Amino acid sequence: MFKFLTLFFLTGIIAQPVKPNSDADRICGKWISSNKNLIVQIYKSGNSYRGKMVWFKSDDNSKSMEEWTDKHNPDPALRSRKILGMDVISGIVYDTKSESWENGKIYEAQTGHYWSASARLDKDEVLKVIGYWHFKFIGKTMVFNRMP
């Protein structure tokens, strides 16, 4: 009887459907911010996801988008790198239990600060990215819509 139950139990575990990685990959693609001043392209990098800035609109029209550099970066060696094309989201990993992407970092080029980050797709397929320091409830949420 014990062998039967063990076999039944193991077969039940093995036969459980495994969620495909496509759930995690739903975040991939181009996303435009709700205020239409930023486009980020999310892509897979190893076992995590990253997001690079592919377009932005600045209130300061003294330079073209391609001329802006990461002048506020705390690392002086990175201050001359271009903001356009720079990764601003890194290391977010899909959590199947919460159906969200967690434990990442988001970089705020305007200040040179890194924040903890998580992301979630709501029922309307709107991407909500939270940048926070220690606690999500005191963070800032950015809302993005998928681009065609």
N, C-alpha and C. Protein backbone atom coordinates (compact mmCIF):
# COMPACT_ATOMS: atom_id res chain seq x y z
N MET A 1 0.82 -1.20 0.00
CA MET A 1 0.00 0.00 0.00
C MET A 1 0.87 1.27 0.00
N PHE A 2 1.93 1.27 0.80
CA PHE A 2 2.81 2.42 0.87
C PHE A 2 3.43 2.70 -0.49
N LYS A 3 3.85 1.63 -1.20
CA LYS A 3 4.45 1.81 -2.52
C LYS A 3 3.43 2.40 -3.49
N PHE A 4 2.19 1.94 -3.38
CA PHE A 4 1.13 2.46 -4.24
C PHE A 4 0.91 3.95 -3.99
N LEU A 5 0.82 4.34 -2.72
CA LEU A 5 0.61 5.74 -2.37
C LEU A 5 1.79 6.60 -2.80
N THR A 6 3.00 6.07 -2.61
CA THR A 6 4.19 6.81 -3.03
C THR A 6 4.18 7.02 -4.54
N LEU A 7 3.89 5.95 -5.28
CA LEU A 7 3.82 6.05 -6.73
C LEU A 7 2.72 7.02 -7.16
N PHE A 8 1.56 6.95 -6.51
CA PHE A 8 0.45 7.84 -6.83
C PHE A 8 0.83 9.30 -6.57
N PHE A 9 1.47 9.52 -5.42
CA PHE A 9 1.88 10.87 -5.05
C PHE A 9 2.91 11.42 -6.04
N LEU A 10 3.94 10.63 -6.35
CA LEU A 10 4.98 11.08 -7.27
C LEU A 10 4.43 11.29 -8.67
N THR A 11 3.54 10.41 -9.11
CA THR A 11 2.93 10.57 -10.42
C THR A 11 2.10 11.84 -10.47
N GLY A 12 1.41 12.15 -9.40
CA GLY A 12 0.62 13.37 -9.34
C GLY A 12 1.48 14.61 -9.43
N ILE A 13 2.64 14.57 -8.79
CA ILE A 13 3.56 15.71 -8.85
C ILE A 13 4.14 15.85 -10.25
N ILE A 14 4.57 14.73 -10.80
CA ILE A 14 5.19 14.77 -12.12
C ILE A 14 4.19 15.18 -13.18
N ALA A 15 2.95 14.75 -13.04
CA ALA A 15 1.94 15.03 -14.06
C ALA A 15 1.38 16.44 -13.99
N GLN A 16 1.73 17.20 -12.95
CA GLN A 16 1.22 18.56 -12.84
C GLN A 16 1.72 19.40 -14.00
N PRO A 17 0.85 20.16 -14.61
CA PRO A 17 1.31 21.00 -15.72
C PRO A 17 2.27 22.07 -15.21
N VAL A 18 3.31 22.30 -15.96
CA VAL A 18 4.30 23.32 -15.62
C VAL A 18 3.95 24.57 -16.41
N LYS A 19 3.92 25.70 -15.73
CA LYS A 19 3.63 26.95 -16.42
C LYS A 19 4.76 27.27 -17.37
N PRO A 20 4.46 27.52 -18.61
CA PRO A 20 5.52 27.82 -19.57
C PRO A 20 6.15 29.18 -19.28
N ASN A 21 7.37 29.35 -19.78
CA ASN A 21 8.06 30.62 -19.61
C ASN A 21 7.36 31.75 -20.34
N SER A 22 6.42 31.41 -21.23
CA SER A 22 5.73 32.47 -21.96
C SER A 22 4.97 33.40 -21.01
N ASP A 23 4.54 32.90 -19.86
CA ASP A 23 3.92 33.78 -18.87
C ASP A 23 4.89 34.87 -18.45
N ALA A 24 6.11 34.46 -18.19
CA ALA A 24 7.14 35.42 -17.78
C ALA A 24 7.50 36.34 -18.94
N ASP A 25 7.51 35.81 -20.14
CA ASP A 25 7.91 36.59 -21.32
C ASP A 25 6.85 37.59 -21.77
N ARG A 26 5.68 37.56 -21.15
CA ARG A 26 4.63 38.52 -21.52
C ARG A 26 5.08 39.96 -21.32
N ILE A 27 6.05 40.15 -20.48
CA ILE A 27 6.53 41.51 -20.20
C ILE A 27 7.40 42.05 -21.34
N CYS A 28 7.89 41.17 -22.19
CA CYS A 28 8.79 41.58 -23.27
C CYS A 28 8.06 42.43 -24.31
N GLY A 29 8.75 43.42 -24.82
CA GLY A 29 8.20 44.28 -25.85
C GLY A 29 8.44 45.74 -25.53
N LYS A 30 7.87 46.60 -26.36
CA LYS A 30 8.01 48.05 -26.15
C LYS A 30 6.79 48.56 -25.40
N TRP A 31 7.07 49.44 -24.42
CA TRP A 31 6.04 50.00 -23.55
C TRP A 31 6.18 51.51 -23.52
N ILE A 32 5.06 52.22 -23.65
CA ILE A 32 5.07 53.68 -23.58
C ILE A 32 4.43 54.11 -22.26
N SER A 33 5.05 55.08 -21.62
CA SER A 33 4.52 55.56 -20.33
C SER A 33 3.16 56.23 -20.54
N SER A 34 2.36 56.23 -19.49
CA SER A 34 1.01 56.79 -19.58
C SER A 34 1.03 58.28 -19.92
N ASN A 35 2.09 59.00 -19.53
CA ASN A 35 2.17 60.42 -19.88
C ASN A 35 2.91 60.63 -21.21
N LYS A 36 3.21 59.53 -21.90
CA LYS A 36 3.75 59.53 -23.28
C LYS A 36 5.08 60.28 -23.41
N ASN A 37 5.92 60.19 -22.37
CA ASN A 37 7.22 60.84 -22.46
C ASN A 37 8.39 59.86 -22.40
N LEU A 38 8.08 58.56 -22.43
CA LEU A 38 9.13 57.55 -22.31
C LEU A 38 8.69 56.25 -22.96
N ILE A 39 9.59 55.65 -23.72
CA ILE A 39 9.37 54.30 -24.26
C ILE A 39 10.51 53.42 -23.79
N VAL A 40 10.15 52.29 -23.21
CA VAL A 40 11.12 51.33 -22.70
C VAL A 40 10.89 50.01 -23.42
N GLN A 41 11.97 49.35 -23.80
CA GLN A 41 11.88 48.02 -24.40
C GLN A 41 12.36 47.01 -23.38
N ILE A 42 11.46 46.12 -22.98
CA ILE A 42 11.78 45.07 -22.01
C ILE A 42 12.23 43.84 -22.79
N TYR A 43 13.33 43.23 -22.34
CA TYR A 43 13.85 42.04 -23.00
C TYR A 43 14.41 41.08 -21.97
N LYS A 44 14.49 39.82 -22.38
CA LYS A 44 15.01 38.78 -21.49
C LYS A 44 16.52 38.77 -21.56
N SER A 45 17.14 38.62 -20.39
CA SER A 45 18.60 38.55 -20.29
C SER A 45 18.93 37.45 -19.30
N GLY A 46 19.24 36.26 -19.81
CA GLY A 46 19.47 35.12 -18.93
C GLY A 46 18.17 34.70 -18.29
N ASN A 47 18.14 34.65 -16.96
CA ASN A 47 16.93 34.28 -16.22
C ASN A 47 16.15 35.47 -15.72
N SER A 48 16.56 36.66 -16.09
CA SER A 48 15.87 37.86 -15.63
C SER A 48 15.51 38.73 -16.84
N TYR A 49 14.95 39.89 -16.54
CA TYR A 49 14.50 40.81 -17.59
C TYR A 49 15.12 42.17 -17.35
N ARG A 50 15.36 42.86 -18.45
CA ARG A 50 15.94 44.19 -18.42
C ARG A 50 15.08 45.10 -19.28
N GLY A 51 15.20 46.40 -19.07
CA GLY A 51 14.48 47.37 -19.87
C GLY A 51 15.39 48.51 -20.27
N LYS A 52 15.46 48.78 -21.56
CA LYS A 52 16.30 49.89 -22.02
C LYS A 52 15.43 51.01 -22.55
N MET A 53 15.92 52.21 -22.36
CA MET A 53 15.23 53.40 -22.81
C MET A 53 15.45 53.54 -24.32
N VAL A 54 14.37 53.51 -25.09
CA VAL A 54 14.52 53.62 -26.55
C VAL A 54 14.00 54.95 -27.09
N TRP A 55 13.30 55.71 -26.27
CA TRP A 55 12.82 57.04 -26.66
C TRP A 55 12.41 57.78 -25.40
N PHE A 56 12.64 59.07 -25.37
CA PHE A 56 12.14 59.90 -24.27
C PHE A 56 11.95 61.32 -24.76
N LYS A 57 11.12 62.03 -24.06
CA LYS A 57 10.86 63.44 -24.36
C LYS A 57 11.26 64.24 -23.13
N SER A 58 12.09 65.23 -23.36
CA SER A 58 12.55 66.08 -22.27
C SER A 58 11.86 67.43 -22.35
N ASP A 59 11.63 68.04 -21.20
CA ASP A 59 11.09 69.40 -21.17
C ASP A 59 12.15 70.42 -21.61
N ASP A 60 13.40 70.02 -21.51
CA ASP A 60 14.52 70.87 -21.91
C ASP A 60 14.84 70.57 -23.38
N ASN A 61 14.54 71.49 -24.26
CA ASN A 61 14.76 71.29 -25.69
C ASN A 61 16.12 71.79 -26.17
N SER A 62 17.05 72.01 -25.26
CA SER A 62 18.35 72.54 -25.64
C SER A 62 19.22 71.50 -26.35
N LYS A 63 18.87 70.21 -26.21
CA LYS A 63 19.64 69.14 -26.84
C LYS A 63 18.67 68.16 -27.49
N SER A 64 19.19 67.44 -28.46
CA SER A 64 18.39 66.36 -29.04
C SER A 64 18.46 65.16 -28.09
N MET A 65 17.54 64.26 -28.26
CA MET A 65 17.46 63.07 -27.41
C MET A 65 18.78 62.31 -27.42
N GLU A 66 19.43 62.23 -28.55
CA GLU A 66 20.68 61.47 -28.70
C GLU A 66 21.86 62.12 -27.98
N GLU A 67 21.74 63.39 -27.62
CA GLU A 67 22.86 64.11 -26.98
C GLU A 67 22.88 63.99 -25.45
N TRP A 68 21.77 63.62 -24.85
CA TRP A 68 21.71 63.58 -23.39
C TRP A 68 22.61 62.48 -22.85
N THR A 69 23.37 62.81 -21.81
CA THR A 69 24.26 61.84 -21.18
C THR A 69 23.84 61.61 -19.72
N ASP A 70 24.41 60.60 -19.14
CA ASP A 70 24.09 60.18 -17.77
C ASP A 70 24.90 61.00 -16.77
N LYS A 71 24.76 62.31 -16.85
CA LYS A 71 25.62 63.22 -16.08
C LYS A 71 25.45 63.15 -14.57
N HIS A 72 24.36 62.55 -14.09
CA HIS A 72 24.13 62.46 -12.64
C HIS A 72 24.57 61.12 -12.05
N ASN A 73 25.15 60.26 -12.86
CA ASN A 73 25.55 58.94 -12.39
C ASN A 73 26.58 59.08 -11.28
N PRO A 74 26.45 58.30 -10.20
CA PRO A 74 27.43 58.39 -9.10
C PRO A 74 28.82 57.91 -9.52
N ASP A 75 28.91 57.13 -10.59
CA ASP A 75 30.20 56.66 -11.09
C ASP A 75 30.69 57.63 -12.18
N PRO A 76 31.73 58.41 -11.90
CA PRO A 76 32.21 59.39 -12.89
C PRO A 76 32.53 58.78 -14.25
N ALA A 77 32.94 57.53 -14.29
CA ALA A 77 33.28 56.88 -15.56
C ALA A 77 32.06 56.67 -16.45
N LEU A 78 30.85 56.70 -15.86
CA LEU A 78 29.62 56.48 -16.62
C LEU A 78 28.89 57.76 -16.99
N ARG A 79 29.38 58.88 -16.57
CA ARG A 79 28.67 60.15 -16.78
C ARG A 79 28.62 60.58 -18.24
N SER A 80 29.48 60.05 -19.07
CA SER A 80 29.47 60.44 -20.49
C SER A 80 28.66 59.47 -21.35
N ARG A 81 28.12 58.40 -20.77
CA ARG A 81 27.36 57.45 -21.59
C ARG A 81 26.01 58.06 -21.97
N LYS A 82 25.53 57.67 -23.10
CA LYS A 82 24.26 58.18 -23.62
C LYS A 82 23.09 57.59 -22.83
N ILE A 83 22.09 58.40 -22.56
CA ILE A 83 20.89 57.93 -21.88
C ILE A 83 20.05 57.07 -22.83
N LEU A 84 19.97 57.47 -24.07
CA LEU A 84 19.22 56.71 -25.06
C LEU A 84 19.90 55.36 -25.27
N GLY A 85 19.16 54.29 -25.10
CA GLY A 85 19.70 52.95 -25.25
C GLY A 85 20.22 52.35 -23.96
N MET A 86 20.23 53.14 -22.90
CA MET A 86 20.73 52.68 -21.61
C MET A 86 19.70 51.81 -20.90
N ASP A 87 20.16 50.75 -20.23
CA ASP A 87 19.26 49.94 -19.41
C ASP A 87 18.85 50.74 -18.18
N VAL A 88 17.54 50.87 -17.98
CA VAL A 88 17.02 51.57 -16.81
C VAL A 88 16.32 50.61 -15.86
N ILE A 89 16.04 49.40 -16.32
CA ILE A 89 15.47 48.35 -15.48
C ILE A 89 16.38 47.14 -15.62
N SER A 90 16.72 46.51 -14.50
CA SER A 90 17.59 45.34 -14.56
C SER A 90 17.22 44.34 -13.47
N GLY A 91 17.49 43.08 -13.78
CA GLY A 91 17.40 42.03 -12.78
C GLY A 91 16.03 41.64 -12.28
N ILE A 92 14.96 42.04 -12.96
CA ILE A 92 13.65 41.62 -12.47
C ILE A 92 13.41 40.17 -12.90
N VAL A 93 12.92 39.38 -11.96
CA VAL A 93 12.74 37.94 -12.16
C VAL A 93 11.27 37.60 -11.95
N TYR A 94 10.73 36.75 -12.82
CA TYR A 94 9.32 36.39 -12.73
C TYR A 94 9.07 35.47 -11.55
N ASP A 95 8.07 35.80 -10.76
CA ASP A 95 7.63 35.00 -9.61
C ASP A 95 6.29 34.38 -9.99
N THR A 96 6.26 33.07 -10.17
CA THR A 96 5.04 32.40 -10.63
C THR A 96 3.91 32.49 -9.61
N LYS A 97 4.24 32.53 -8.33
CA LYS A 97 3.19 32.59 -7.30
C LYS A 97 2.45 33.91 -7.32
N SER A 98 3.17 35.00 -7.43
CA SER A 98 2.52 36.32 -7.42
C SER A 98 2.21 36.81 -8.83
N GLU A 99 2.70 36.07 -9.84
CA GLU A 99 2.54 36.47 -11.24
C GLU A 99 3.02 37.90 -11.46
N SER A 100 4.19 38.18 -10.89
CA SER A 100 4.80 39.50 -11.03
C SER A 100 6.30 39.32 -11.19
N TRP A 101 6.97 40.38 -11.57
CA TRP A 101 8.41 40.38 -11.74
C TRP A 101 8.99 41.12 -10.55
N GLU A 102 9.92 40.51 -9.84
CA GLU A 102 10.39 41.03 -8.55
C GLU A 102 11.91 41.13 -8.49
N ASN A 103 12.36 41.78 -7.42
CA ASN A 103 13.77 41.82 -7.02
C ASN A 103 14.70 42.48 -8.03
N GLY A 104 14.18 43.45 -8.77
CA GLY A 104 15.01 44.14 -9.74
C GLY A 104 15.46 45.50 -9.25
N LYS A 105 16.07 46.23 -10.16
CA LYS A 105 16.52 47.60 -9.91
C LYS A 105 16.01 48.48 -11.04
N ILE A 106 15.72 49.73 -10.69
CA ILE A 106 15.36 50.72 -11.70
C ILE A 106 16.28 51.91 -11.49
N TYR A 107 16.77 52.46 -12.60
CA TYR A 107 17.70 53.58 -12.54
C TYR A 107 16.99 54.85 -12.97
N GLU A 108 17.11 55.87 -12.15
CA GLU A 108 16.51 57.18 -12.44
C GLU A 108 17.62 58.11 -12.92
N ALA A 109 17.68 58.30 -14.24
CA ALA A 109 18.77 59.07 -14.83
C ALA A 109 18.75 60.54 -14.39
N GLN A 110 17.58 61.08 -14.06
CA GLN A 110 17.50 62.49 -13.66
C GLN A 110 18.23 62.77 -12.36
N THR A 111 18.37 61.73 -11.51
CA THR A 111 19.03 61.92 -10.22
C THR A 111 20.27 61.05 -10.03
N GLY A 112 20.41 60.01 -10.85
CA GLY A 112 21.52 59.08 -10.68
C GLY A 112 21.28 58.05 -9.59
N HIS A 113 20.04 57.87 -9.18
CA HIS A 113 19.71 56.92 -8.11
C HIS A 113 19.19 55.60 -8.66
N TYR A 114 19.54 54.54 -7.97
CA TYR A 114 18.97 53.22 -8.22
C TYR A 114 17.95 52.93 -7.14
N TRP A 115 16.84 52.33 -7.53
CA TRP A 115 15.78 51.96 -6.61
C TRP A 115 15.46 50.49 -6.80
N SER A 116 14.91 49.86 -5.79
CA SER A 116 14.39 48.51 -5.97
C SER A 116 13.21 48.59 -6.91
N ALA A 117 12.94 47.50 -7.64
CA ALA A 117 11.86 47.55 -8.62
C ALA A 117 11.11 46.23 -8.70
N SER A 118 9.83 46.35 -8.99
CA SER A 118 9.00 45.19 -9.32
C SER A 118 8.02 45.64 -10.39
N ALA A 119 7.41 44.67 -11.05
CA ALA A 119 6.48 45.00 -12.13
C ALA A 119 5.35 43.98 -12.14
N ARG A 120 4.22 44.43 -12.63
CA ARG A 120 3.03 43.58 -12.69
C ARG A 120 2.20 44.00 -13.89
N LEU A 121 1.62 43.01 -14.56
CA LEU A 121 0.65 43.28 -15.62
C LEU A 121 -0.73 43.14 -15.01
N ASP A 122 -1.56 44.17 -15.14
CA ASP A 122 -2.91 44.05 -14.60
C ASP A 122 -3.82 43.34 -15.60
N LYS A 123 -5.08 43.18 -15.24
CA LYS A 123 -6.01 42.41 -16.07
C LYS A 123 -6.22 43.02 -17.45
N ASP A 124 -5.95 44.31 -17.60
CA ASP A 124 -6.09 44.98 -18.89
C ASP A 124 -4.77 45.01 -19.66
N GLU A 125 -3.78 44.24 -19.18
CA GLU A 125 -2.46 44.18 -19.80
C GLU A 125 -1.74 45.52 -19.76
N VAL A 126 -1.97 46.27 -18.70
CA VAL A 126 -1.25 47.51 -18.44
C VAL A 126 -0.09 47.14 -17.50
N LEU A 127 1.10 47.60 -17.85
CA LEU A 127 2.29 47.31 -17.06
C LEU A 127 2.47 48.37 -15.99
N LYS A 128 2.58 47.92 -14.76
CA LYS A 128 2.82 48.83 -13.64
C LYS A 128 4.17 48.49 -13.03
N VAL A 129 5.07 49.45 -13.09
CA VAL A 129 6.42 49.28 -12.56
C VAL A 129 6.53 50.13 -11.30
N ILE A 130 6.95 49.49 -10.22
CA ILE A 130 7.09 50.20 -8.95
C ILE A 130 8.57 50.35 -8.63
N GLY A 131 8.99 51.58 -8.41
CA GLY A 131 10.33 51.87 -7.91
C GLY A 131 10.19 52.23 -6.44
N TYR A 132 10.98 51.60 -5.59
CA TYR A 132 10.79 51.82 -4.15
C TYR A 132 12.10 51.68 -3.39
N TRP A 133 12.08 52.19 -2.20
CA TRP A 133 13.21 52.07 -1.29
C TRP A 133 12.72 51.32 -0.07
N HIS A 134 13.12 50.10 0.08
CA HIS A 134 12.78 49.18 1.17
C HIS A 134 11.34 48.67 1.15
N PHE A 135 10.36 49.54 0.98
CA PHE A 135 8.95 49.13 1.07
C PHE A 135 8.18 49.60 -0.16
N LYS A 136 7.45 48.68 -0.78
CA LYS A 136 6.70 49.02 -1.99
C LYS A 136 5.63 50.07 -1.75
N PHE A 137 5.01 50.04 -0.58
CA PHE A 137 3.90 50.96 -0.33
C PHE A 137 4.34 52.42 -0.26
N ILE A 138 5.62 52.68 -0.15
CA ILE A 138 6.09 54.07 -0.19
C ILE A 138 6.84 54.36 -1.50
N GLY A 139 6.63 53.49 -2.48
CA GLY A 139 7.30 53.67 -3.76
C GLY A 139 6.48 54.48 -4.74
N LYS A 140 7.01 54.61 -5.93
CA LYS A 140 6.34 55.33 -7.01
C LYS A 140 6.02 54.33 -8.11
N THR A 141 4.79 54.38 -8.61
CA THR A 141 4.36 53.48 -9.68
C THR A 141 4.31 54.23 -11.00
N MET A 142 4.93 53.64 -12.00
CA MET A 142 4.84 54.16 -13.36
C MET A 142 3.96 53.21 -14.15
N VAL A 143 3.09 53.75 -14.98
CA VAL A 143 2.15 52.96 -15.75
C VAL A 143 2.55 53.02 -17.22
N PHE A 144 2.57 51.85 -17.86
CA PHE A 144 2.95 51.74 -19.27
C PHE A 144 1.90 50.95 -20.04
N ASN A 145 1.72 51.33 -21.30
CA ASN A 145 0.86 50.61 -22.22
C ASN A 145 1.72 50.00 -23.31
N ARG A 146 1.34 48.79 -23.71
CA ARG A 146 2.10 48.11 -24.76
C ARG A 146 1.97 48.86 -26.07
N MET A 147 3.08 48.94 -26.77
CA MET A 147 3.07 49.57 -28.09
C MET A 147 2.78 48.51 -29.14
N PRO A 148 2.12 48.89 -30.22
CA PRO A 148 1.82 47.91 -31.28
C PRO A 148 3.09 47.44 -31.99
